[in-house]
Amino acid sequence: MQEINATVGRPGWLDEIQWNADGLVPAIAQDAASGDLLMMAWMNAEALQLTAQEGQAVYWSRSRGKLWRKGETSGHQQIVRELRLDCDADAIVLKVEQKGGMACHTGRRSCFYRKLENGRWQSVDPVLKDPDEIYGQAPGKSDKTSGGTRDE
């Protein structure tokens, strides 16, 4: 990525984004090689600027009110290969290299593992690793913070 370590302070390109009332923009992580959708999270200006500078996904946790680096607990970092802004300037796509093969806190490759079939949401992708093994939490403990991501 070109932007890595290229700016100091707030770059002008951040002003082109249509931030929501909370100062956030939806950010969709997509596998750079396969095109698979991996996850959706939120970014504020600082998270997006850090992502561009560091080349690693940084998101904003709405429930915790702080920045989180994807994979800081799980080891499932997202190395950013490209950032894209949609036509309305109100959504970001991060084309990433997903470390560890999993983006979802449920232990699946993608957070988009449910498919609408016959009027019901069906899980169609397998759990690759038990979340309790990833995060070291006691069995039965559910952590749905920051939109469902346990490690961030």
N, C-alpha and C. Protein backbone atom coordinates (compact mmCIF):
# COMPACT_ATOMS: atom_id res chain seq x y z
N MET A 1 0.84 -1.19 0.00
CA MET A 1 0.00 0.00 0.00
C MET A 1 0.87 1.24 0.00
N GLN A 2 0.50 2.20 -0.80
CA GLN A 2 1.26 3.42 -0.91
C GLN A 2 1.27 4.26 0.34
N GLU A 3 0.15 4.30 1.05
CA GLU A 3 -0.03 5.23 2.16
C GLU A 3 0.82 4.89 3.38
N ILE A 4 1.32 3.67 3.47
CA ILE A 4 2.03 3.23 4.66
C ILE A 4 3.17 4.20 4.98
N ASN A 5 3.13 4.73 6.21
CA ASN A 5 4.12 5.66 6.74
C ASN A 5 4.28 6.93 5.91
N ALA A 6 3.29 7.27 5.08
CA ALA A 6 3.44 8.41 4.18
C ALA A 6 2.87 9.71 4.75
N THR A 7 2.10 9.65 5.82
CA THR A 7 1.48 10.88 6.30
C THR A 7 1.73 11.10 7.78
N VAL A 8 1.71 12.38 8.15
CA VAL A 8 1.76 12.77 9.54
C VAL A 8 0.58 13.70 9.75
N GLY A 9 -0.15 13.56 10.86
CA GLY A 9 -1.35 14.36 11.05
C GLY A 9 -2.51 13.77 10.27
N ARG A 10 -3.59 14.56 10.15
CA ARG A 10 -4.79 14.07 9.45
C ARG A 10 -4.69 14.40 7.97
N PRO A 11 -4.62 13.36 7.14
CA PRO A 11 -4.54 13.60 5.69
C PRO A 11 -5.88 14.04 5.12
N GLY A 12 -5.85 14.82 4.04
CA GLY A 12 -7.04 15.36 3.42
C GLY A 12 -7.99 14.31 2.88
N TRP A 13 -7.49 13.14 2.50
CA TRP A 13 -8.37 12.12 1.93
C TRP A 13 -9.42 11.64 2.92
N LEU A 14 -9.17 11.81 4.21
CA LEU A 14 -10.17 11.42 5.22
C LEU A 14 -11.39 12.33 5.16
N ASP A 15 -11.21 13.58 4.72
CA ASP A 15 -12.31 14.52 4.65
C ASP A 15 -13.29 14.20 3.52
N GLU A 16 -12.89 13.35 2.60
CA GLU A 16 -13.77 12.97 1.49
C GLU A 16 -14.80 11.91 1.90
N ILE A 17 -14.60 11.32 3.06
CA ILE A 17 -15.49 10.24 3.53
C ILE A 17 -16.73 10.83 4.19
N GLN A 18 -17.88 10.24 3.91
CA GLN A 18 -19.15 10.62 4.51
C GLN A 18 -19.33 9.82 5.80
N TRP A 19 -18.82 10.34 6.89
CA TRP A 19 -18.92 9.69 8.19
C TRP A 19 -20.35 9.76 8.68
N ASN A 20 -20.82 8.75 9.41
CA ASN A 20 -22.18 8.81 9.96
C ASN A 20 -22.22 9.76 11.15
N ALA A 21 -23.38 9.88 11.79
CA ALA A 21 -23.55 10.82 12.89
C ALA A 21 -22.62 10.54 14.06
N ASP A 22 -22.15 9.29 14.17
CA ASP A 22 -21.23 8.90 15.25
C ASP A 22 -19.78 9.03 14.83
N GLY A 23 -19.54 9.55 13.61
CA GLY A 23 -18.16 9.70 13.13
C GLY A 23 -17.56 8.39 12.66
N LEU A 24 -18.42 7.46 12.21
CA LEU A 24 -17.96 6.14 11.79
C LEU A 24 -18.34 5.87 10.34
N VAL A 25 -17.65 4.91 9.75
CA VAL A 25 -17.95 4.43 8.41
C VAL A 25 -17.89 2.90 8.44
N PRO A 26 -18.85 2.21 7.78
CA PRO A 26 -18.75 0.75 7.72
C PRO A 26 -17.55 0.33 6.89
N ALA A 27 -16.88 -0.71 7.35
CA ALA A 27 -15.69 -1.22 6.67
C ALA A 27 -15.84 -2.72 6.45
N ILE A 28 -15.77 -3.13 5.21
CA ILE A 28 -15.93 -4.54 4.86
C ILE A 28 -14.58 -5.10 4.48
N ALA A 29 -14.18 -6.18 5.15
CA ALA A 29 -12.93 -6.86 4.83
C ALA A 29 -13.21 -7.95 3.81
N GLN A 30 -12.42 -7.94 2.74
CA GLN A 30 -12.57 -8.90 1.65
C GLN A 30 -11.21 -9.55 1.41
N ASP A 31 -11.21 -10.86 1.20
CA ASP A 31 -9.97 -11.56 0.91
C ASP A 31 -9.42 -11.04 -0.42
N ALA A 32 -8.19 -10.54 -0.40
CA ALA A 32 -7.59 -9.95 -1.60
C ALA A 32 -7.37 -10.97 -2.70
N ALA A 33 -7.13 -12.21 -2.35
CA ALA A 33 -6.86 -13.24 -3.36
C ALA A 33 -8.13 -13.87 -3.91
N SER A 34 -9.05 -14.26 -3.04
CA SER A 34 -10.23 -15.00 -3.48
C SER A 34 -11.45 -14.11 -3.75
N GLY A 35 -11.48 -12.92 -3.15
CA GLY A 35 -12.64 -12.06 -3.27
C GLY A 35 -13.73 -12.38 -2.25
N ASP A 36 -13.54 -13.40 -1.41
CA ASP A 36 -14.53 -13.75 -0.40
C ASP A 36 -14.72 -12.61 0.59
N LEU A 37 -15.98 -12.38 0.98
CA LEU A 37 -16.26 -11.41 2.03
C LEU A 37 -15.91 -12.06 3.36
N LEU A 38 -15.21 -11.33 4.22
CA LEU A 38 -14.77 -11.89 5.49
C LEU A 38 -15.53 -11.34 6.69
N MET A 39 -15.69 -10.03 6.75
CA MET A 39 -16.34 -9.44 7.91
C MET A 39 -16.70 -7.99 7.64
N MET A 40 -17.52 -7.44 8.53
CA MET A 40 -17.86 -6.03 8.52
C MET A 40 -17.61 -5.49 9.91
N ALA A 41 -17.02 -4.32 9.98
CA ALA A 41 -16.79 -3.65 11.25
C ALA A 41 -16.91 -2.15 11.01
N TRP A 42 -16.61 -1.37 12.01
CA TRP A 42 -16.69 0.09 11.91
C TRP A 42 -15.32 0.71 12.06
N MET A 43 -15.13 1.83 11.40
CA MET A 43 -13.88 2.59 11.53
C MET A 43 -14.22 4.05 11.80
N ASN A 44 -13.43 4.67 12.66
CA ASN A 44 -13.48 6.12 12.76
C ASN A 44 -12.27 6.64 11.98
N ALA A 45 -12.09 7.95 11.95
CA ALA A 45 -11.00 8.52 11.15
C ALA A 45 -9.64 8.03 11.62
N GLU A 46 -9.45 7.93 12.93
CA GLU A 46 -8.16 7.47 13.45
C GLU A 46 -7.88 6.03 13.04
N ALA A 47 -8.89 5.17 13.13
CA ALA A 47 -8.71 3.77 12.75
C ALA A 47 -8.35 3.65 11.27
N LEU A 48 -9.04 4.41 10.43
CA LEU A 48 -8.76 4.34 9.00
C LEU A 48 -7.38 4.89 8.68
N GLN A 49 -7.01 5.98 9.32
CA GLN A 49 -5.68 6.54 9.09
C GLN A 49 -4.59 5.56 9.54
N LEU A 50 -4.75 4.95 10.71
CA LEU A 50 -3.78 3.97 11.19
C LEU A 50 -3.70 2.76 10.27
N THR A 51 -4.86 2.32 9.78
CA THR A 51 -4.89 1.20 8.84
C THR A 51 -4.07 1.52 7.60
N ALA A 52 -4.27 2.72 7.05
CA ALA A 52 -3.54 3.12 5.86
C ALA A 52 -2.04 3.27 6.13
N GLN A 53 -1.70 3.79 7.28
CA GLN A 53 -0.29 4.01 7.62
C GLN A 53 0.44 2.71 7.94
N GLU A 54 -0.22 1.82 8.68
CA GLU A 54 0.44 0.61 9.17
C GLU A 54 0.29 -0.59 8.25
N GLY A 55 -0.72 -0.57 7.37
CA GLY A 55 -0.95 -1.70 6.49
C GLY A 55 -1.55 -2.91 7.18
N GLN A 56 -2.16 -2.66 8.34
CA GLN A 56 -2.83 -3.71 9.10
C GLN A 56 -4.17 -3.16 9.58
N ALA A 57 -5.23 -3.97 9.53
CA ALA A 57 -6.57 -3.49 9.86
C ALA A 57 -6.70 -3.06 11.31
N VAL A 58 -7.19 -1.84 11.48
CA VAL A 58 -7.52 -1.29 12.79
C VAL A 58 -8.97 -0.84 12.71
N TYR A 59 -9.79 -1.26 13.66
CA TYR A 59 -11.21 -0.93 13.65
C TYR A 59 -11.57 -0.15 14.91
N TRP A 60 -12.83 0.30 14.97
CA TRP A 60 -13.35 0.98 16.15
C TRP A 60 -14.38 0.09 16.82
N SER A 61 -14.18 -0.19 18.09
CA SER A 61 -15.13 -0.98 18.86
C SER A 61 -16.18 -0.04 19.42
N ARG A 62 -17.41 -0.17 18.93
CA ARG A 62 -18.49 0.68 19.43
C ARG A 62 -18.84 0.37 20.88
N SER A 63 -18.81 -0.89 21.24
CA SER A 63 -19.19 -1.26 22.61
C SER A 63 -18.13 -0.87 23.63
N ARG A 64 -16.89 -0.93 23.25
CA ARG A 64 -15.81 -0.59 24.18
C ARG A 64 -15.35 0.86 24.05
N GLY A 65 -15.73 1.50 22.96
CA GLY A 65 -15.36 2.89 22.75
C GLY A 65 -13.86 3.09 22.57
N LYS A 66 -13.23 2.15 21.85
CA LYS A 66 -11.78 2.28 21.63
C LYS A 66 -11.37 1.56 20.36
N LEU A 67 -10.16 1.86 19.91
CA LEU A 67 -9.58 1.20 18.75
C LEU A 67 -9.25 -0.24 19.08
N TRP A 68 -9.34 -1.12 18.08
CA TRP A 68 -8.81 -2.47 18.22
C TRP A 68 -8.17 -2.92 16.93
N ARG A 69 -7.07 -3.56 17.08
CA ARG A 69 -6.35 -4.11 15.93
C ARG A 69 -6.83 -5.54 15.72
N LYS A 70 -7.33 -5.79 14.53
CA LYS A 70 -7.85 -7.13 14.23
C LYS A 70 -6.76 -8.16 14.50
N GLY A 71 -7.11 -9.13 15.30
CA GLY A 71 -6.18 -10.21 15.60
C GLY A 71 -5.27 -9.96 16.78
N GLU A 72 -5.50 -8.90 17.53
CA GLU A 72 -4.59 -8.60 18.65
C GLU A 72 -4.62 -9.69 19.71
N THR A 73 -5.71 -10.42 19.83
CA THR A 73 -5.79 -11.53 20.77
C THR A 73 -5.69 -12.87 20.05
N SER A 74 -6.41 -12.99 18.94
CA SER A 74 -6.50 -14.27 18.24
C SER A 74 -5.29 -14.59 17.37
N GLY A 75 -4.56 -13.56 16.97
CA GLY A 75 -3.46 -13.76 16.02
C GLY A 75 -3.94 -13.72 14.58
N HIS A 76 -5.22 -13.50 14.37
CA HIS A 76 -5.80 -13.50 13.02
C HIS A 76 -5.81 -12.09 12.43
N GLN A 77 -4.61 -11.53 12.26
CA GLN A 77 -4.49 -10.19 11.72
C GLN A 77 -4.93 -10.13 10.27
N GLN A 78 -5.23 -8.91 9.86
CA GLN A 78 -5.56 -8.66 8.46
C GLN A 78 -4.52 -7.69 7.90
N ILE A 79 -3.72 -8.20 6.96
CA ILE A 79 -2.73 -7.37 6.29
C ILE A 79 -3.43 -6.71 5.11
N VAL A 80 -3.44 -5.39 5.09
CA VAL A 80 -4.21 -4.65 4.10
C VAL A 80 -3.40 -4.48 2.82
N ARG A 81 -3.97 -4.95 1.73
CA ARG A 81 -3.35 -4.84 0.42
C ARG A 81 -3.89 -3.65 -0.38
N GLU A 82 -5.15 -3.26 -0.07
CA GLU A 82 -5.78 -2.18 -0.81
C GLU A 82 -6.96 -1.65 -0.01
N LEU A 83 -7.19 -0.34 -0.09
CA LEU A 83 -8.37 0.28 0.50
C LEU A 83 -9.18 0.90 -0.62
N ARG A 84 -10.50 0.71 -0.57
CA ARG A 84 -11.39 1.29 -1.58
C ARG A 84 -12.55 2.00 -0.89
N LEU A 85 -13.01 3.07 -1.54
CA LEU A 85 -14.14 3.86 -1.07
C LEU A 85 -15.25 3.73 -2.10
N ASP A 86 -16.49 3.51 -1.64
CA ASP A 86 -17.59 3.32 -2.59
C ASP A 86 -18.02 4.65 -3.22
N CYS A 87 -18.95 4.56 -4.19
CA CYS A 87 -19.37 5.71 -4.99
C CYS A 87 -20.02 6.82 -4.17
N ASP A 88 -20.65 6.48 -3.05
CA ASP A 88 -21.28 7.48 -2.18
C ASP A 88 -20.33 7.96 -1.09
N ALA A 89 -19.13 7.43 -1.07
CA ALA A 89 -18.10 7.77 -0.09
C ALA A 89 -18.54 7.48 1.35
N ASP A 90 -19.41 6.44 1.50
CA ASP A 90 -19.91 6.12 2.84
C ASP A 90 -19.68 4.67 3.25
N ALA A 91 -18.80 3.99 2.56
CA ALA A 91 -18.43 2.61 2.93
C ALA A 91 -17.04 2.33 2.40
N ILE A 92 -16.27 1.59 3.18
CA ILE A 92 -14.89 1.24 2.85
C ILE A 92 -14.79 -0.26 2.61
N VAL A 93 -13.97 -0.67 1.66
CA VAL A 93 -13.61 -2.07 1.49
C VAL A 93 -12.11 -2.18 1.72
N LEU A 94 -11.74 -3.12 2.57
CA LEU A 94 -10.34 -3.44 2.80
C LEU A 94 -10.07 -4.76 2.10
N LYS A 95 -9.19 -4.77 1.14
CA LYS A 95 -8.76 -6.04 0.53
C LYS A 95 -7.58 -6.50 1.34
N VAL A 96 -7.74 -7.67 1.97
CA VAL A 96 -6.78 -8.10 2.98
C VAL A 96 -6.23 -9.50 2.72
N GLU A 97 -5.09 -9.74 3.33
CA GLU A 97 -4.56 -11.09 3.48
C GLU A 97 -4.91 -11.49 4.91
N GLN A 98 -5.78 -12.47 5.05
CA GLN A 98 -6.28 -12.88 6.36
C GLN A 98 -5.32 -13.89 6.97
N LYS A 99 -4.66 -13.51 8.05
CA LYS A 99 -3.75 -14.42 8.75
C LYS A 99 -4.55 -15.43 9.57
N GLY A 100 -4.07 -16.64 9.66
CA GLY A 100 -4.72 -17.67 10.46
C GLY A 100 -5.93 -18.31 9.80
N GLY A 101 -6.30 -17.82 8.62
CA GLY A 101 -7.40 -18.43 7.88
C GLY A 101 -8.79 -18.16 8.41
N MET A 102 -8.91 -17.35 9.47
CA MET A 102 -10.22 -17.08 10.07
C MET A 102 -10.37 -15.59 10.35
N ALA A 103 -11.54 -15.06 10.02
CA ALA A 103 -11.85 -13.67 10.35
C ALA A 103 -12.92 -13.56 11.42
N CYS A 104 -13.72 -14.62 11.58
CA CYS A 104 -14.88 -14.56 12.46
C CYS A 104 -14.57 -15.06 13.87
N HIS A 105 -15.16 -14.38 14.85
CA HIS A 105 -14.96 -14.79 16.25
C HIS A 105 -15.60 -16.14 16.56
N THR A 106 -16.41 -16.67 15.64
CA THR A 106 -17.02 -17.98 15.84
C THR A 106 -16.09 -19.11 15.42
N GLY A 107 -14.89 -18.77 14.94
CA GLY A 107 -13.94 -19.78 14.48
C GLY A 107 -14.12 -20.15 13.02
N ARG A 108 -14.89 -19.36 12.30
CA ARG A 108 -15.10 -19.61 10.87
C ARG A 108 -14.24 -18.66 10.04
N ARG A 109 -14.06 -19.02 8.78
CA ARG A 109 -13.28 -18.17 7.88
C ARG A 109 -13.93 -16.81 7.72
N SER A 110 -15.25 -16.77 7.58
CA SER A 110 -15.98 -15.54 7.31
C SER A 110 -17.11 -15.35 8.32
N CYS A 111 -17.41 -14.11 8.62
CA CYS A 111 -18.57 -13.81 9.45
C CYS A 111 -19.87 -14.01 8.69
N PHE A 112 -19.78 -14.09 7.37
CA PHE A 112 -20.97 -14.27 6.53
C PHE A 112 -21.17 -15.76 6.25
N TYR A 113 -21.41 -16.52 7.31
CA TYR A 113 -21.51 -17.97 7.20
C TYR A 113 -22.96 -18.46 7.18
N ARG A 114 -23.91 -17.55 7.27
CA ARG A 114 -25.32 -17.94 7.26
C ARG A 114 -25.96 -17.57 5.92
N LYS A 115 -26.76 -18.47 5.40
CA LYS A 115 -27.41 -18.31 4.10
C LYS A 115 -28.91 -18.48 4.29
N LEU A 116 -29.68 -17.61 3.63
CA LEU A 116 -31.12 -17.71 3.71
C LEU A 116 -31.59 -18.83 2.80
N GLU A 117 -32.18 -19.87 3.39
CA GLU A 117 -32.71 -21.02 2.66
C GLU A 117 -34.09 -21.34 3.19
N ASN A 118 -35.06 -21.35 2.31
CA ASN A 118 -36.44 -21.69 2.69
C ASN A 118 -36.95 -20.85 3.86
N GLY A 119 -36.63 -19.56 3.83
CA GLY A 119 -37.13 -18.66 4.85
C GLY A 119 -36.44 -18.73 6.19
N ARG A 120 -35.28 -19.42 6.27
CA ARG A 120 -34.53 -19.53 7.53
C ARG A 120 -33.06 -19.34 7.27
N TRP A 121 -32.37 -18.74 8.23
CA TRP A 121 -30.91 -18.58 8.13
C TRP A 121 -30.26 -19.90 8.53
N GLN A 122 -29.48 -20.45 7.63
CA GLN A 122 -28.80 -21.73 7.86
C GLN A 122 -27.28 -21.50 7.88
N SER A 123 -26.61 -22.09 8.85
CA SER A 123 -25.15 -22.04 8.87
C SER A 123 -24.64 -22.98 7.78
N VAL A 124 -23.84 -22.43 6.88
CA VAL A 124 -23.37 -23.23 5.75
C VAL A 124 -21.86 -23.39 5.70
N ASP A 125 -21.15 -22.70 6.58
CA ASP A 125 -19.69 -22.82 6.62
C ASP A 125 -19.26 -23.44 7.94
N PRO A 126 -18.25 -24.28 7.91
CA PRO A 126 -17.84 -24.99 9.12
C PRO A 126 -17.04 -24.14 10.10
N VAL A 127 -17.11 -24.53 11.36
CA VAL A 127 -16.23 -23.95 12.38
C VAL A 127 -14.87 -24.60 12.17
N LEU A 128 -13.84 -23.77 11.97
CA LEU A 128 -12.49 -24.29 11.74
C LEU A 128 -11.73 -24.51 13.04
N LYS A 129 -12.08 -23.73 14.06
CA LYS A 129 -11.44 -23.87 15.36
C LYS A 129 -12.39 -23.37 16.43
N ASP A 130 -12.49 -24.10 17.52
CA ASP A 130 -13.36 -23.73 18.62
C ASP A 130 -12.93 -22.35 19.15
N PRO A 131 -13.88 -21.41 19.26
CA PRO A 131 -13.55 -20.08 19.74
C PRO A 131 -12.90 -20.06 21.12
N ASP A 132 -13.27 -20.99 22.00
CA ASP A 132 -12.65 -21.04 23.32
C ASP A 132 -11.16 -21.39 23.23
N GLU A 133 -10.78 -22.15 22.22
CA GLU A 133 -9.35 -22.42 22.00
C GLU A 133 -8.63 -21.18 21.49
N ILE A 134 -9.32 -20.39 20.68
CA ILE A 134 -8.72 -19.18 20.12
C ILE A 134 -8.54 -18.12 21.19
N TYR A 135 -9.58 -17.89 21.99
CA TYR A 135 -9.60 -16.76 22.92
C TYR A 135 -9.33 -17.13 24.36
N GLY A 136 -9.33 -18.43 24.66
CA GLY A 136 -9.03 -18.87 26.02
C GLY A 136 -10.11 -18.54 27.03
N GLN A 137 -11.36 -18.44 26.59
CA GLN A 137 -12.45 -18.15 27.52
C GLN A 137 -13.10 -19.45 27.96
N ALA A 138 -13.70 -19.40 29.12
CA ALA A 138 -14.36 -20.58 29.68
C ALA A 138 -15.51 -21.02 28.79
N PRO A 139 -15.72 -22.32 28.67
CA PRO A 139 -16.83 -22.82 27.87
C PRO A 139 -18.16 -22.21 28.33
N GLY A 140 -18.99 -21.88 27.36
CA GLY A 140 -20.30 -21.32 27.67
C GLY A 140 -20.31 -19.82 27.83
N LYS A 141 -19.16 -19.19 27.93
CA LYS A 141 -19.12 -17.74 28.08
C LYS A 141 -19.22 -17.10 26.71
N SER A 142 -20.20 -16.27 26.54
CA SER A 142 -20.42 -15.58 25.27
C SER A 142 -20.00 -14.14 25.40
N ASP A 143 -19.22 -13.67 24.45
CA ASP A 143 -18.78 -12.28 24.42
C ASP A 143 -19.16 -11.71 23.07
N LYS A 144 -20.16 -10.89 23.03
CA LYS A 144 -20.65 -10.33 21.77
C LYS A 144 -20.26 -8.86 21.65
N THR A 145 -19.12 -8.49 22.19
CA THR A 145 -18.70 -7.09 22.14
C THR A 145 -18.26 -6.69 20.75
N SER A 146 -18.22 -5.42 20.52
CA SER A 146 -17.84 -4.78 19.24
C SER A 146 -18.47 -5.47 18.06
N GLY A 147 -19.78 -5.64 18.16
CA GLY A 147 -20.51 -6.21 17.04
C GLY A 147 -20.29 -7.68 16.88
N GLY A 148 -19.82 -8.36 17.94
CA GLY A 148 -19.69 -9.81 17.85
C GLY A 148 -18.27 -10.29 17.79
N THR A 149 -17.29 -9.41 17.73
CA THR A 149 -15.92 -9.89 17.64
C THR A 149 -15.36 -10.08 19.04
N ARG A 150 -14.96 -11.28 19.35
CA ARG A 150 -14.48 -11.60 20.69
C ARG A 150 -13.06 -11.14 20.90
N ASP A 151 -12.23 -11.13 19.86
CA ASP A 151 -10.82 -10.84 20.09
C ASP A 151 -10.50 -9.37 20.01
N GLU A 152 -11.42 -8.57 19.60
CA GLU A 152 -11.07 -7.17 19.41
C GLU A 152 -11.76 -6.31 20.42
